[in-house]
Amino acid sequence: MMQDFRRAKRRKVHHPIPVSDAMTGEMVGNIGNLSESGMLLMASGPLVNDALYQFRFSLPADGAEAAATTLELGAHLLWSDQASAPGQHWIGFRFIGLGEQQLARLRAWVNQPGSQYA
């Protein structure tokens, strides 16, 4: 059995959550799973290894949340791997410079009752 050494719980995403580059507005890909410290992105093309990005995405409303929450945050690209679909890439990011409100919203969304985890 393979052990997972990640510290943060990662919530699986079952419906597309599009991610855009906050600087250019271009669509980058969709979230595969999300934690309070990072995300797995299914990107529609390769990105620059070890680079910093500014992303924007909206977390769907869950439970007590009346509406979707849009987050804009910095992310450091940790790793990238070509997916089986042509032109698609799995990319792992670590979030950087999160504000307290953003962190609290991410934590609440990840820990929502009934969530499934990766």
PDB file of N, CA and C in Angstrom:
ATOM      1  N   MET A   1       0.839  -1.177   0.000  1.00  0.00           N
ATOM      2  CA  MET A   1       0.000   0.000   0.000  1.00  0.00           C
ATOM      3  C   MET A   1       0.889   1.247   0.000  1.00  0.00           C
ATOM      4  N   MET A   2       0.578   2.217  -0.863  1.00  0.00           N
ATOM      5  CA  MET A   2       1.348   3.439  -0.969  1.00  0.00           C
ATOM      6  C   MET A   2       0.925   4.427   0.114  1.00  0.00           C
ATOM      7  N   GLN A   3       1.906   5.041   0.795  1.00  0.00           N
ATOM      8  CA  GLN A   3       1.593   6.028   1.816  1.00  0.00           C
ATOM      9  C   GLN A   3       1.586   7.410   1.209  1.00  0.00           C
ATOM     10  N   ASP A   4       0.663   8.268   1.674  1.00  0.00           N
ATOM     11  CA  ASP A   4       0.583   9.649   1.233  1.00  0.00           C
ATOM     12  C   ASP A   4       1.205  10.513   2.319  1.00  0.00           C
ATOM     13  N   PHE A   5       2.278  11.233   1.977  1.00  0.00           N
ATOM     14  CA  PHE A   5       2.996  12.018   2.965  1.00  0.00           C
ATOM     15  C   PHE A   5       2.583  13.487   2.970  1.00  0.00           C
ATOM     16  N   ARG A   6       1.566  13.837   2.217  1.00  0.00           N
ATOM     17  CA  ARG A   6       1.106  15.223   2.236  1.00  0.00           C
ATOM     18  C   ARG A   6       0.487  15.531   3.592  1.00  0.00           C
ATOM     19  N   ARG A   7       0.646  16.757   4.037  1.00  0.00           N
ATOM     20  CA  ARG A   7       0.128  17.161   5.339  1.00  0.00           C
ATOM     21  C   ARG A   7      -1.319  17.625   5.263  1.00  0.00           C
ATOM     22  N   ALA A   8      -1.716  18.224   4.171  1.00  0.00           N
ATOM     23  CA  ALA A   8      -3.055  18.800   4.055  1.00  0.00           C
ATOM     24  C   ALA A   8      -4.004  17.842   3.340  1.00  0.00           C
ATOM     25  N   LYS A   9      -5.215  17.759   3.827  1.00  0.00           N
ATOM     26  CA  LYS A   9      -6.259  16.942   3.207  1.00  0.00           C
ATOM     27  C   LYS A   9      -6.624  17.568   1.862  1.00  0.00           C
ATOM     28  N   ARG A  10      -6.752  16.733   0.827  1.00  0.00           N
ATOM     29  CA  ARG A  10      -7.061  17.206  -0.527  1.00  0.00           C
ATOM     30  C   ARG A  10      -8.464  16.760  -0.930  1.00  0.00           C
ATOM     31  N   ARG A  11      -9.336  17.719  -1.200  1.00  0.00           N
ATOM     32  CA  ARG A  11     -10.704  17.404  -1.601  1.00  0.00           C
ATOM     33  C   ARG A  11     -10.763  17.174  -3.105  1.00  0.00           C
ATOM     34  N   LYS A  12     -11.387  16.055  -3.495  1.00  0.00           N
ATOM     35  CA  LYS A  12     -11.605  15.774  -4.909  1.00  0.00           C
ATOM     36  C   LYS A  12     -12.639  16.754  -5.467  1.00  0.00           C
ATOM     37  N   VAL A  13     -12.470  17.120  -6.709  1.00  0.00           N
ATOM     38  CA  VAL A  13     -13.400  18.015  -7.386  1.00  0.00           C
ATOM     39  C   VAL A  13     -14.163  17.200  -8.414  1.00  0.00           C
ATOM     40  N   HIS A  14     -15.497  17.184  -8.301  1.00  0.00           N
ATOM     41  CA  HIS A  14     -16.316  16.362  -9.190  1.00  0.00           C
ATOM     42  C   HIS A  14     -16.954  17.139 -10.331  1.00  0.00           C
ATOM     43  N   HIS A  15     -16.959  18.452 -10.230  1.00  0.00           N
ATOM     44  CA  HIS A  15     -17.479  19.309 -11.293  1.00  0.00           C
ATOM     45  C   HIS A  15     -16.381  20.295 -11.653  1.00  0.00           C
ATOM     46  N   PRO A  16     -16.278  20.657 -12.913  1.00  0.00           N
ATOM     47  CA  PRO A  16     -15.179  21.545 -13.323  1.00  0.00           C
ATOM     48  C   PRO A  16     -15.138  22.845 -12.517  1.00  0.00           C
ATOM     49  N   ILE A  17     -13.947  23.177 -12.052  1.00  0.00           N
ATOM     50  CA  ILE A  17     -13.676  24.486 -11.460  1.00  0.00           C
ATOM     51  C   ILE A  17     -12.593  25.108 -12.327  1.00  0.00           C
ATOM     52  N   PRO A  18     -12.985  25.984 -13.261  1.00  0.00           N
ATOM     53  CA  PRO A  18     -12.007  26.595 -14.159  1.00  0.00           C
ATOM     54  C   PRO A  18     -11.065  27.548 -13.416  1.00  0.00           C
ATOM     55  N   VAL A  19      -9.820  27.551 -13.855  1.00  0.00           N
ATOM     56  CA  VAL A  19      -8.789  28.405 -13.281  1.00  0.00           C
ATOM     57  C   VAL A  19      -8.268  29.311 -14.388  1.00  0.00           C
ATOM     58  N   SER A  20      -8.200  30.613 -14.098  1.00  0.00           N
ATOM     59  CA  SER A  20      -7.661  31.548 -15.082  1.00  0.00           C
ATOM     60  C   SER A  20      -6.419  32.234 -14.522  1.00  0.00           C
ATOM     61  N   ASP A  21      -5.579  32.692 -15.420  1.00  0.00           N
ATOM     62  CA  ASP A  21      -4.415  33.482 -15.061  1.00  0.00           C
ATOM     63  C   ASP A  21      -4.941  34.877 -14.721  1.00  0.00           C
ATOM     64  N   ALA A  22      -4.740  35.322 -13.493  1.00  0.00           N
ATOM     65  CA  ALA A  22      -5.290  36.608 -13.053  1.00  0.00           C
ATOM     66  C   ALA A  22      -4.656  37.793 -13.781  1.00  0.00           C
ATOM     67  N   MET A  23      -3.458  37.605 -14.330  1.00  0.00           N
ATOM     68  CA  MET A  23      -2.765  38.702 -15.010  1.00  0.00           C
ATOM     69  C   MET A  23      -3.247  38.877 -16.454  1.00  0.00           C
ATOM     70  N   THR A  24      -3.540  37.757 -17.129  1.00  0.00           N
ATOM     71  CA  THR A  24      -3.917  37.828 -18.549  1.00  0.00           C
ATOM     72  C   THR A  24      -5.401  37.546 -18.784  1.00  0.00           C
ATOM     73  N   GLY A  25      -6.055  36.903 -17.808  1.00  0.00           N
ATOM     74  CA  GLY A  25      -7.457  36.516 -17.974  1.00  0.00           C
ATOM     75  C   GLY A  25      -7.635  35.221 -18.759  1.00  0.00           C
ATOM     76  N   GLU A  26      -6.533  34.639 -19.234  1.00  0.00           N
ATOM     77  CA  GLU A  26      -6.623  33.409 -20.024  1.00  0.00           C
ATOM     78  C   GLU A  26      -6.944  32.203 -19.151  1.00  0.00           C
ATOM     79  N   MET A  27      -7.767  31.302 -19.694  1.00  0.00           N
ATOM     80  CA  MET A  27      -8.099  30.046 -19.028  1.00  0.00           C
ATOM     81  C   MET A  27      -6.861  29.158 -19.039  1.00  0.00           C
ATOM     82  N   VAL A  28      -6.495  28.615 -17.851  1.00  0.00           N
ATOM     83  CA  VAL A  28      -5.309  27.784 -17.726  1.00  0.00           C
ATOM     84  C   VAL A  28      -5.677  26.306 -17.668  1.00  0.00           C
ATOM     85  N   GLY A  29      -6.787  25.991 -16.990  1.00  0.00           N
ATOM     86  CA  GLY A  29      -7.204  24.604 -16.845  1.00  0.00           C
ATOM     87  C   GLY A  29      -8.298  24.469 -15.813  1.00  0.00           C
ATOM     88  N   ASN A  30      -8.455  23.249 -15.266  1.00  0.00           N
ATOM     89  CA  ASN A  30      -9.462  22.953 -14.253  1.00  0.00           C
ATOM     90  C   ASN A  30      -8.815  22.262 -13.062  1.00  0.00           C
ATOM     91  N   ILE A  31      -9.348  22.536 -11.873  1.00  0.00           N
ATOM     92  CA  ILE A  31      -8.815  21.938 -10.657  1.00  0.00           C
ATOM     93  C   ILE A  31      -9.188  20.460 -10.612  1.00  0.00           C
ATOM     94  N   GLY A  32      -8.214  19.616 -10.266  1.00  0.00           N
ATOM     95  CA  GLY A  32      -8.445  18.181 -10.077  1.00  0.00           C
ATOM     96  C   GLY A  32      -8.719  17.864  -8.623  1.00  0.00           C
ATOM     97  N   ASN A  33      -7.920  18.451  -7.722  1.00  0.00           N
ATOM     98  CA  ASN A  33      -8.188  18.380  -6.290  1.00  0.00           C
ATOM     99  C   ASN A  33      -7.596  19.624  -5.655  1.00  0.00           C
ATOM    100  N   LEU A  34      -8.060  19.903  -4.429  1.00  0.00           N
ATOM    101  CA  LEU A  34      -7.724  21.175  -3.795  1.00  0.00           C
ATOM    102  C   LEU A  34      -7.537  20.978  -2.296  1.00  0.00           C
ATOM    103  N   SER A  35      -6.512  21.623  -1.755  1.00  0.00           N
ATOM    104  CA  SER A  35      -6.299  21.638  -0.313  1.00  0.00           C
ATOM    105  C   SER A  35      -6.094  23.085   0.103  1.00  0.00           C
ATOM    106  N   GLU A  36      -5.945  23.307   1.395  1.00  0.00           N
ATOM    107  CA  GLU A  36      -5.701  24.669   1.854  1.00  0.00           C
ATOM    108  C   GLU A  36      -4.288  25.128   1.512  1.00  0.00           C
ATOM    109  N   SER A  37      -3.431  24.211   1.085  1.00  0.00           N
ATOM    110  CA  SER A  37      -2.054  24.581   0.777  1.00  0.00           C
ATOM    111  C   SER A  37      -1.678  24.459  -0.698  1.00  0.00           C
ATOM    112  N   GLY A  38      -2.567  23.906  -1.535  1.00  0.00           N
ATOM    113  CA  GLY A  38      -2.221  23.775  -2.944  1.00  0.00           C
ATOM    114  C   GLY A  38      -3.302  23.103  -3.751  1.00  0.00           C
ATOM    115  N   MET A  39      -2.992  22.825  -5.022  1.00  0.00           N
ATOM    116  CA  MET A  39      -3.970  22.198  -5.908  1.00  0.00           C
ATOM    117  C   MET A  39      -3.283  21.377  -6.982  1.00  0.00           C
ATOM    118  N   LEU A  40      -4.055  20.430  -7.493  1.00  0.00           N
ATOM    119  CA  LEU A  40      -3.688  19.684  -8.688  1.00  0.00           C
ATOM    120  C   LEU A  40      -4.495  20.293  -9.814  1.00  0.00           C
ATOM    121  N   LEU A  41      -3.822  20.744 -10.848  1.00  0.00           N
ATOM    122  CA  LEU A  41      -4.470  21.396 -11.983  1.00  0.00           C
ATOM    123  C   LEU A  41      -4.345  20.520 -13.221  1.00  0.00           C
ATOM    124  N   MET A  42      -5.446  20.325 -13.939  1.00  0.00           N
ATOM    125  CA  MET A  42      -5.401  19.707 -15.265  1.00  0.00           C
ATOM    126  C   MET A  42      -5.317  20.881 -16.240  1.00  0.00           C
ATOM    127  N   ALA A  43      -4.104  21.139 -16.694  1.00  0.00           N
ATOM    128  CA  ALA A  43      -3.854  22.299 -17.553  1.00  0.00           C
ATOM    129  C   ALA A  43      -4.039  21.949 -19.024  1.00  0.00           C
ATOM    130  N   SER A  44      -4.458  22.942 -19.781  1.00  0.00           N
ATOM    131  CA  SER A  44      -4.684  22.748 -21.211  1.00  0.00           C
ATOM    132  C   SER A  44      -3.409  22.948 -22.016  1.00  0.00           C
ATOM    133  N   GLY A  45      -2.286  23.101 -21.352  1.00  0.00           N
ATOM    134  CA  GLY A  45      -0.997  23.232 -22.009  1.00  0.00           C
ATOM    135  C   GLY A  45       0.104  23.249 -20.963  1.00  0.00           C
ATOM    136  N   PRO A  46       1.348  23.164 -21.386  1.00  0.00           N
ATOM    137  CA  PRO A  46       2.449  23.162 -20.423  1.00  0.00           C
ATOM    138  C   PRO A  46       2.625  24.550 -19.791  1.00  0.00           C
ATOM    139  N   LEU A  47       3.129  24.567 -18.565  1.00  0.00           N
ATOM    140  CA  LEU A  47       3.465  25.816 -17.890  1.00  0.00           C
ATOM    141  C   LEU A  47       4.936  25.763 -17.519  1.00  0.00           C
ATOM    142  N   VAL A  48       5.495  26.885 -17.111  1.00  0.00           N
ATOM    143  CA  VAL A  48       6.923  26.984 -16.819  1.00  0.00           C
ATOM    144  C   VAL A  48       7.224  26.367 -15.453  1.00  0.00           C
ATOM    145  N   ASN A  49       8.151  25.403 -15.425  1.00  0.00           N
ATOM    146  CA  ASN A  49       8.548  24.745 -14.178  1.00  0.00           C
ATOM    147  C   ASN A  49       9.147  25.743 -13.193  1.00  0.00           C
ATOM    148  N   ASP A  50       8.832  25.559 -11.916  1.00  0.00           N
ATOM    149  CA  ASP A  50       9.364  26.352 -10.807  1.00  0.00           C
ATOM    150  C   ASP A  50       8.991  27.833 -10.898  1.00  0.00           C
ATOM    151  N   ALA A  51       7.956  28.155 -11.659  1.00  0.00           N
ATOM    152  CA  ALA A  51       7.532  29.546 -11.831  1.00  0.00           C
ATOM    153  C   ALA A  51       6.436  29.908 -10.830  1.00  0.00           C
ATOM    154  N   LEU A  52       6.217  31.204 -10.658  1.00  0.00           N
ATOM    155  CA  LEU A  52       5.148  31.722  -9.815  1.00  0.00           C
ATOM    156  C   LEU A  52       4.014  32.209 -10.704  1.00  0.00           C
ATOM    157  N   TYR A  53       2.784  31.940 -10.279  1.00  0.00           N
ATOM    158  CA  TYR A  53       1.596  32.322 -11.031  1.00  0.00           C
ATOM    159  C   TYR A  53       0.609  33.017 -10.110  1.00  0.00           C
ATOM    160  N   GLN A  54      -0.258  33.816 -10.705  1.00  0.00           N
ATOM    161  CA  GLN A  54      -1.368  34.444  -9.988  1.00  0.00           C
ATOM    162  C   GLN A  54      -2.640  33.908 -10.635  1.00  0.00           C
ATOM    163  N   PHE A  55      -3.416  33.116  -9.881  1.00  0.00           N
ATOM    164  CA  PHE A  55      -4.604  32.459 -10.415  1.00  0.00           C
ATOM    165  C   PHE A  55      -5.879  33.012  -9.803  1.00  0.00           C
ATOM    166  N   ARG A  56      -6.965  32.831 -10.553  1.00  0.00           N
ATOM    167  CA  ARG A  56      -8.302  33.193 -10.075  1.00  0.00           C
ATOM    168  C   ARG A  56      -9.237  32.022 -10.361  1.00  0.00           C
ATOM    169  N   PHE A  57     -10.029  31.641  -9.352  1.00  0.00           N
ATOM    170  CA  PHE A  57     -11.049  30.610  -9.535  1.00  0.00           C
ATOM    171  C   PHE A  57     -12.142  30.817  -8.504  1.00  0.00           C
ATOM    172  N   SER A  58     -13.291  30.218  -8.756  1.00  0.00           N
ATOM    173  CA  SER A  58     -14.433  30.342  -7.853  1.00  0.00           C
ATOM    174  C   SER A  58     -14.761  28.992  -7.243  1.00  0.00           C
ATOM    175  N   LEU A  59     -14.863  28.971  -5.920  1.00  0.00           N
ATOM    176  CA  LEU A  59     -15.296  27.769  -5.216  1.00  0.00           C
ATOM    177  C   LEU A  59     -16.816  27.745  -5.212  1.00  0.00           C
ATOM    178  N   PRO A  60     -17.415  26.627  -5.606  1.00  0.00           N
ATOM    179  CA  PRO A  60     -18.877  26.535  -5.606  1.00  0.00           C
ATOM    180  C   PRO A  60     -19.443  26.730  -4.199  1.00  0.00           C
ATOM    181  N   ALA A  61     -20.653  27.238  -4.123  1.00  0.00           N
ATOM    182  CA  ALA A  61     -21.342  27.385  -2.842  1.00  0.00           C
ATOM    183  C   ALA A  61     -21.558  26.007  -2.244  1.00  0.00           C
ATOM    184  N   ASP A  62     -21.320  25.891  -0.947  1.00  0.00           N
ATOM    185  CA  ASP A  62     -21.493  24.633  -0.216  1.00  0.00           C
ATOM    186  C   ASP A  62     -22.134  24.926   1.122  1.00  0.00           C
ATOM    187  N   GLY A  63     -23.115  24.172   1.483  1.00  0.00           N
ATOM    188  CA  GLY A  63     -23.692  24.273   2.822  1.00  0.00           C
ATOM    189  C   GLY A  63     -24.085  25.681   3.207  1.00  0.00           C
ATOM    190  N   ALA A  64     -23.353  26.278   4.152  1.00  0.00           N
ATOM    191  CA  ALA A  64     -23.681  27.589   4.699  1.00  0.00           C
ATOM    192  C   ALA A  64     -23.372  28.727   3.728  1.00  0.00           C
ATOM    193  N   GLU A  65     -22.560  28.469   2.716  1.00  0.00           N
ATOM    194  CA  GLU A  65     -22.211  29.506   1.756  1.00  0.00           C
ATOM    195  C   GLU A  65     -23.394  29.787   0.840  1.00  0.00           C
ATOM    196  N   ALA A  66     -23.819  31.029   0.778  1.00  0.00           N
ATOM    197  CA  ALA A  66     -24.975  31.409  -0.035  1.00  0.00           C
ATOM    198  C   ALA A  66     -24.606  31.531  -1.514  1.00  0.00           C
ATOM    199  N   ALA A  67     -23.340  31.828  -1.791  1.00  0.00           N
ATOM    200  CA  ALA A  67     -22.913  32.030  -3.176  1.00  0.00           C
ATOM    201  C   ALA A  67     -21.481  31.548  -3.349  1.00  0.00           C
ATOM    202  N   ALA A  68     -21.087  31.380  -4.594  1.00  0.00           N
ATOM    203  CA  ALA A  68     -19.715  30.985  -4.896  1.00  0.00           C
ATOM    204  C   ALA A  68     -18.752  32.067  -4.406  1.00  0.00           C
ATOM    205  N   THR A  69     -17.540  31.655  -4.055  1.00  0.00           N
ATOM    206  CA  THR A  69     -16.505  32.570  -3.590  1.00  0.00           C
ATOM    207  C   THR A  69     -15.377  32.586  -4.602  1.00  0.00           C
ATOM    208  N   THR A  70     -15.042  33.762  -5.098  1.00  0.00           N
ATOM    209  CA  THR A  70     -13.923  33.887  -6.030  1.00  0.00           C
ATOM    210  C   THR A  70     -12.659  34.178  -5.254  1.00  0.00           C
ATOM    211  N   LEU A  71     -11.626  33.386  -5.534  1.00  0.00           N
ATOM    212  CA  LEU A  71     -10.327  33.559  -4.896  1.00  0.00           C
ATOM    213  C   LEU A  71      -9.298  33.965  -5.941  1.00  0.00           C
ATOM    214  N   GLU A  72      -8.394  34.852  -5.558  1.00  0.00           N
ATOM    215  CA  GLU A  72      -7.247  35.189  -6.386  1.00  0.00           C
ATOM    216  C   GLU A  72      -6.032  35.000  -5.493  1.00  0.00           C
ATOM    217  N   LEU A  73      -5.120  34.127  -5.933  1.00  0.00           N
ATOM    218  CA  LEU A  73      -3.989  33.800  -5.078  1.00  0.00           C
ATOM    219  C   LEU A  73      -2.754  33.439  -5.879  1.00  0.00           C
ATOM    220  N   GLY A  74      -1.614  33.543  -5.208  1.00  0.00           N
ATOM    221  CA  GLY A  74      -0.345  33.180  -5.813  1.00  0.00           C
ATOM    222  C   GLY A  74      -0.102  31.689  -5.677  1.00  0.00           C
ATOM    223  N   ALA A  75       0.598  31.119  -6.657  1.00  0.00           N
ATOM    224  CA  ALA A  75       0.894  29.689  -6.638  1.00  0.00           C
ATOM    225  C   ALA A  75       2.276  29.437  -7.243  1.00  0.00           C
ATOM    226  N   HIS A  76       2.983  28.484  -6.642  1.00  0.00           N
ATOM    227  CA  HIS A  76       4.306  28.072  -7.112  1.00  0.00           C
ATOM    228  C   HIS A  76       4.180  26.705  -7.761  1.00  0.00           C
ATOM    229  N   LEU A  77       4.608  26.587  -9.015  1.00  0.00           N
ATOM    230  CA  LEU A  77       4.547  25.314  -9.734  1.00  0.00           C
ATOM    231  C   LEU A  77       5.635  24.396  -9.180  1.00  0.00           C
ATOM    232  N   LEU A  78       5.200  23.260  -8.613  1.00  0.00           N
ATOM    233  CA  LEU A  78       6.134  22.309  -8.013  1.00  0.00           C
ATOM    234  C   LEU A  78       6.538  21.187  -8.957  1.00  0.00           C
ATOM    235  N   TRP A  79       5.575  20.692  -9.752  1.00  0.00           N
ATOM    236  CA  TRP A  79       5.856  19.585 -10.660  1.00  0.00           C
ATOM    237  C   TRP A  79       4.839  19.591 -11.795  1.00  0.00           C
ATOM    238  N   SER A  80       5.199  18.919 -12.873  1.00  0.00           N
ATOM    239  CA  SER A  80       4.326  18.831 -14.048  1.00  0.00           C
ATOM    240  C   SER A  80       4.544  17.483 -14.718  1.00  0.00           C
ATOM    241  N   ASP A  81       3.457  16.904 -15.242  1.00  0.00           N
ATOM    242  CA  ASP A  81       3.534  15.626 -15.920  1.00  0.00           C
ATOM    243  C   ASP A  81       2.521  15.632 -17.061  1.00  0.00           C
ATOM    244  N   GLN A  82       2.917  15.144 -18.210  1.00  0.00           N
ATOM    245  CA  GLN A  82       1.997  15.087 -19.343  1.00  0.00           C
ATOM    246  C   GLN A  82       0.911  14.052 -19.052  1.00  0.00           C
ATOM    247  N   ALA A  83      -0.339  14.434 -19.307  1.00  0.00           N
ATOM    248  CA  ALA A  83      -1.479  13.535 -19.114  1.00  0.00           C
ATOM    249  C   ALA A  83      -1.633  12.649 -20.345  1.00  0.00           C
ATOM    250  N   SER A  84      -2.517  11.663 -20.255  1.00  0.00           N
ATOM    251  CA  SER A  84      -2.718  10.753 -21.383  1.00  0.00           C
ATOM    252  C   SER A  84      -3.443  11.423 -22.544  1.00  0.00           C
ATOM    253  N   ALA A  85      -4.238  12.449 -22.272  1.00  0.00           N
ATOM    254  CA  ALA A  85      -4.939  13.180 -23.344  1.00  0.00           C
ATOM    255  C   ALA A  85      -3.954  14.141 -24.020  1.00  0.00           C
ATOM    256  N   PRO A  86      -3.940  14.182 -25.338  1.00  0.00           N
ATOM    257  CA  PRO A  86      -3.011  15.071 -26.050  1.00  0.00           C
ATOM    258  C   PRO A  86      -3.173  16.532 -25.612  1.00  0.00           C
ATOM    259  N   GLY A  87      -2.036  17.180 -25.308  1.00  0.00           N
ATOM    260  CA  GLY A  87      -2.048  18.589 -24.945  1.00  0.00           C
ATOM    261  C   GLY A  87      -2.397  18.876 -23.495  1.00  0.00           C
ATOM    262  N   GLN A  88      -2.765  17.863 -22.721  1.00  0.00           N
ATOM    263  CA  GLN A  88      -3.151  18.050 -21.322  1.00  0.00           C
ATOM    264  C   GLN A  88      -1.963  17.746 -20.400  1.00  0.00           C
ATOM    265  N   HIS A  89      -1.897  18.473 -19.276  1.00  0.00           N
ATOM    266  CA  HIS A  89      -0.809  18.296 -18.317  1.00  0.00           C
ATOM    267  C   HIS A  89      -1.374  18.318 -16.902  1.00  0.00           C
ATOM    268  N   TRP A  90      -0.916  17.383 -16.059  1.00  0.00           N
ATOM    269  CA  TRP A  90      -1.207  17.413 -14.633  1.00  0.00           C
ATOM    270  C   TRP A  90      -0.124  18.274 -14.004  1.00  0.00           C
ATOM    271  N   ILE A  91      -0.536  19.275 -13.201  1.00  0.00           N
ATOM    272  CA  ILE A  91       0.446  20.189 -12.614  1.00  0.00           C
ATOM    273  C   ILE A  91       0.115  20.402 -11.137  1.00  0.00           C
ATOM    274  N   GLY A  92       1.142  20.265 -10.291  1.00  0.00           N
ATOM    275  CA  GLY A  92       0.980  20.461  -8.862  1.00  0.00           C
ATOM    276  C   GLY A  92       1.471  21.834  -8.438  1.00  0.00           C
ATOM    277  N   PHE A  93       0.636  22.541  -7.666  1.00  0.00           N
ATOM    278  CA  PHE A  93       0.968  23.882  -7.186  1.00  0.00           C
ATOM    279  C   PHE A  93       0.897  23.956  -5.674  1.00  0.00           C
ATOM    280  N   ARG A  94       1.733  24.799  -5.107  1.00  0.00           N
ATOM    281  CA  ARG A  94       1.682  25.162  -3.692  1.00  0.00           C
ATOM    282  C   ARG A  94       1.247  26.619  -3.637  1.00  0.00           C
ATOM    283  N   PHE A  95       0.242  26.924  -2.812  1.00  0.00           N
ATOM    284  CA  PHE A  95      -0.228  28.298  -2.685  1.00  0.00           C
ATOM    285  C   PHE A  95       0.758  29.109  -1.862  1.00  0.00           C
ATOM    286  N   ILE A  96       0.901  30.373  -2.230  1.00  0.00           N
ATOM    287  CA  ILE A  96       1.788  31.283  -1.504  1.00  0.00           C
ATOM    288  C   ILE A  96       1.044  32.582  -1.197  1.00  0.00           C
ATOM    289  N   GLY A  97       1.371  33.176  -0.084  1.00  0.00           N
ATOM    290  CA  GLY A  97       0.830  34.483   0.268  1.00  0.00           C
ATOM    291  C   GLY A  97      -0.671  34.531   0.465  1.00  0.00           C
ATOM    292  N   LEU A  98      -1.268  33.476   1.040  1.00  0.00           N
ATOM    293  CA  LEU A  98      -2.709  33.486   1.282  1.00  0.00           C
ATOM    294  C   LEU A  98      -3.064  34.406   2.436  1.00  0.00           C
ATOM    295  N   GLY A  99      -4.133  35.179   2.262  1.00  0.00           N
ATOM    296  CA  GLY A  99      -4.657  35.979   3.357  1.00  0.00           C
ATOM    297  C   GLY A  99      -5.489  35.100   4.285  1.00  0.00           C
ATOM    298  N   GLU A 100      -5.747  35.588   5.483  1.00  0.00           N
ATOM    299  CA  GLU A 100      -6.516  34.818   6.468  1.00  0.00           C
ATOM    300  C   GLU A 100      -7.902  34.452   5.961  1.00  0.00           C
ATOM    301  N   GLN A 101      -8.587  35.386   5.272  1.00  0.00           N
ATOM    302  CA  GLN A 101      -9.930  35.105   4.760  1.00  0.00           C
ATOM    303  C   GLN A 101      -9.889  34.041   3.671  1.00  0.00           C
ATOM    304  N   GLN A 102      -8.904  34.116   2.787  1.00  0.00           N
ATOM    305  CA  GLN A 102      -8.767  33.109   1.736  1.00  0.00           C
ATOM    306  C   GLN A 102      -8.488  31.737   2.337  1.00  0.00           C
ATOM    307  N   LEU A 103      -7.582  31.684   3.295  1.00  0.00           N
ATOM    308  CA  LEU A 103      -7.248  30.424   3.945  1.00  0.00           C
ATOM    309  C   LEU A 103      -8.468  29.838   4.657  1.00  0.00           C
ATOM    310  N   ALA A 104      -9.219  30.676   5.356  1.00  0.00           N
ATOM    311  CA  ALA A 104     -10.414  30.207   6.063  1.00  0.00           C
ATOM    312  C   ALA A 104     -11.447  29.677   5.069  1.00  0.00           C
ATOM    313  N   ARG A 105     -11.625  30.340   3.945  1.00  0.00           N
ATOM    314  CA  ARG A 105     -12.598  29.889   2.937  1.00  0.00           C
ATOM    315  C   ARG A 105     -12.159  28.577   2.316  1.00  0.00           C
ATOM    316  N   LEU A 106     -10.882  28.454   1.960  1.00  0.00           N
ATOM    317  CA  LEU A 106     -10.356  27.196   1.416  1.00  0.00           C
ATOM    318  C   LEU A 106     -10.527  26.058   2.407  1.00  0.00           C
ATOM    319  N   ARG A 107     -10.158  26.309   3.655  1.00  0.00           N
ATOM    320  CA  ARG A 107     -10.256  25.288   4.704  1.00  0.00           C
ATOM    321  C   ARG A 107     -11.705  24.834   4.875  1.00  0.00           C
ATOM    322  N   ALA A 108     -12.641  25.784   4.907  1.00  0.00           N
ATOM    323  CA  ALA A 108     -14.064  25.447   5.062  1.00  0.00           C
ATOM    324  C   ALA A 108     -14.554  24.620   3.880  1.00  0.00           C
ATOM    325  N   TRP A 109     -14.136  24.968   2.662  1.00  0.00           N
ATOM    326  CA  TRP A 109     -14.588  24.245   1.473  1.00  0.00           C
ATOM    327  C   TRP A 109     -14.021  22.822   1.456  1.00  0.00           C
ATOM    328  N   VAL A 110     -12.739  22.695   1.779  1.00  0.00           N
ATOM    329  CA  VAL A 110     -12.103  21.373   1.784  1.00  0.00           C
ATOM    330  C   VAL A 110     -12.734  20.460   2.841  1.00  0.00           C
ATOM    331  N   ASN A 111     -13.069  21.021   3.991  1.00  0.00           N
ATOM    332  CA  ASN A 111     -13.589  20.227   5.101  1.00  0.00           C
ATOM    333  C   ASN A 111     -15.104  20.102   5.125  1.00  0.00           C
ATOM    334  N   GLN A 112     -15.781  20.534   4.081  1.00  0.00           N
ATOM    335  CA  GLN A 112     -17.242  20.464   4.009  1.00  0.00           C
ATOM    336  C   GLN A 112     -17.713  19.023   4.210  1.00  0.00           C
ATOM    337  N   PRO A 113     -18.688  18.798   5.088  1.00  0.00           N
ATOM    338  CA  PRO A 113     -19.205  17.429   5.288  1.00  0.00           C
ATOM    339  C   PRO A 113     -19.677  16.801   3.968  1.00  0.00           C
ATOM    340  N   GLY A 114     -19.361  15.526   3.819  1.00  0.00           N
ATOM    341  CA  GLY A 114     -19.745  14.798   2.610  1.00  0.00           C
ATOM    342  C   GLY A 114     -18.723  14.847   1.495  1.00  0.00           C
ATOM    343  N   SER A 115     -17.616  15.577   1.702  1.00  0.00           N
ATOM    344  CA  SER A 115     -16.578  15.681   0.681  1.00  0.00           C
ATOM    345  C   SER A 115     -15.850  14.350   0.543  1.00  0.00           C
ATOM    346  N   GLN A 116     -15.287  14.138  -0.641  1.00  0.00           N
ATOM    347  CA  GLN A 116     -14.432  12.969  -0.880  1.00  0.00           C
ATOM    348  C   GLN A 116     -13.012  13.473  -1.023  1.00  0.00           C
ATOM    349  N   TYR A 117     -12.056  12.654  -0.570  1.00  0.00           N
ATOM    350  CA  TYR A 117     -10.670  13.107  -0.540  1.00  0.00           C
ATOM    351  C   TYR A 117      -9.753  12.217  -1.363  1.00  0.00           C
ATOM    352  N   ALA A 118      -8.743  12.861  -1.921  1.00  0.00           N
ATOM    353  CA  ALA A 118      -7.752  12.173  -2.755  1.00  0.00           C
ATOM    354  C   ALA A 118      -6.663  11.606  -1.871  1.00  0.00           C
TER     355      ALA A 118
END
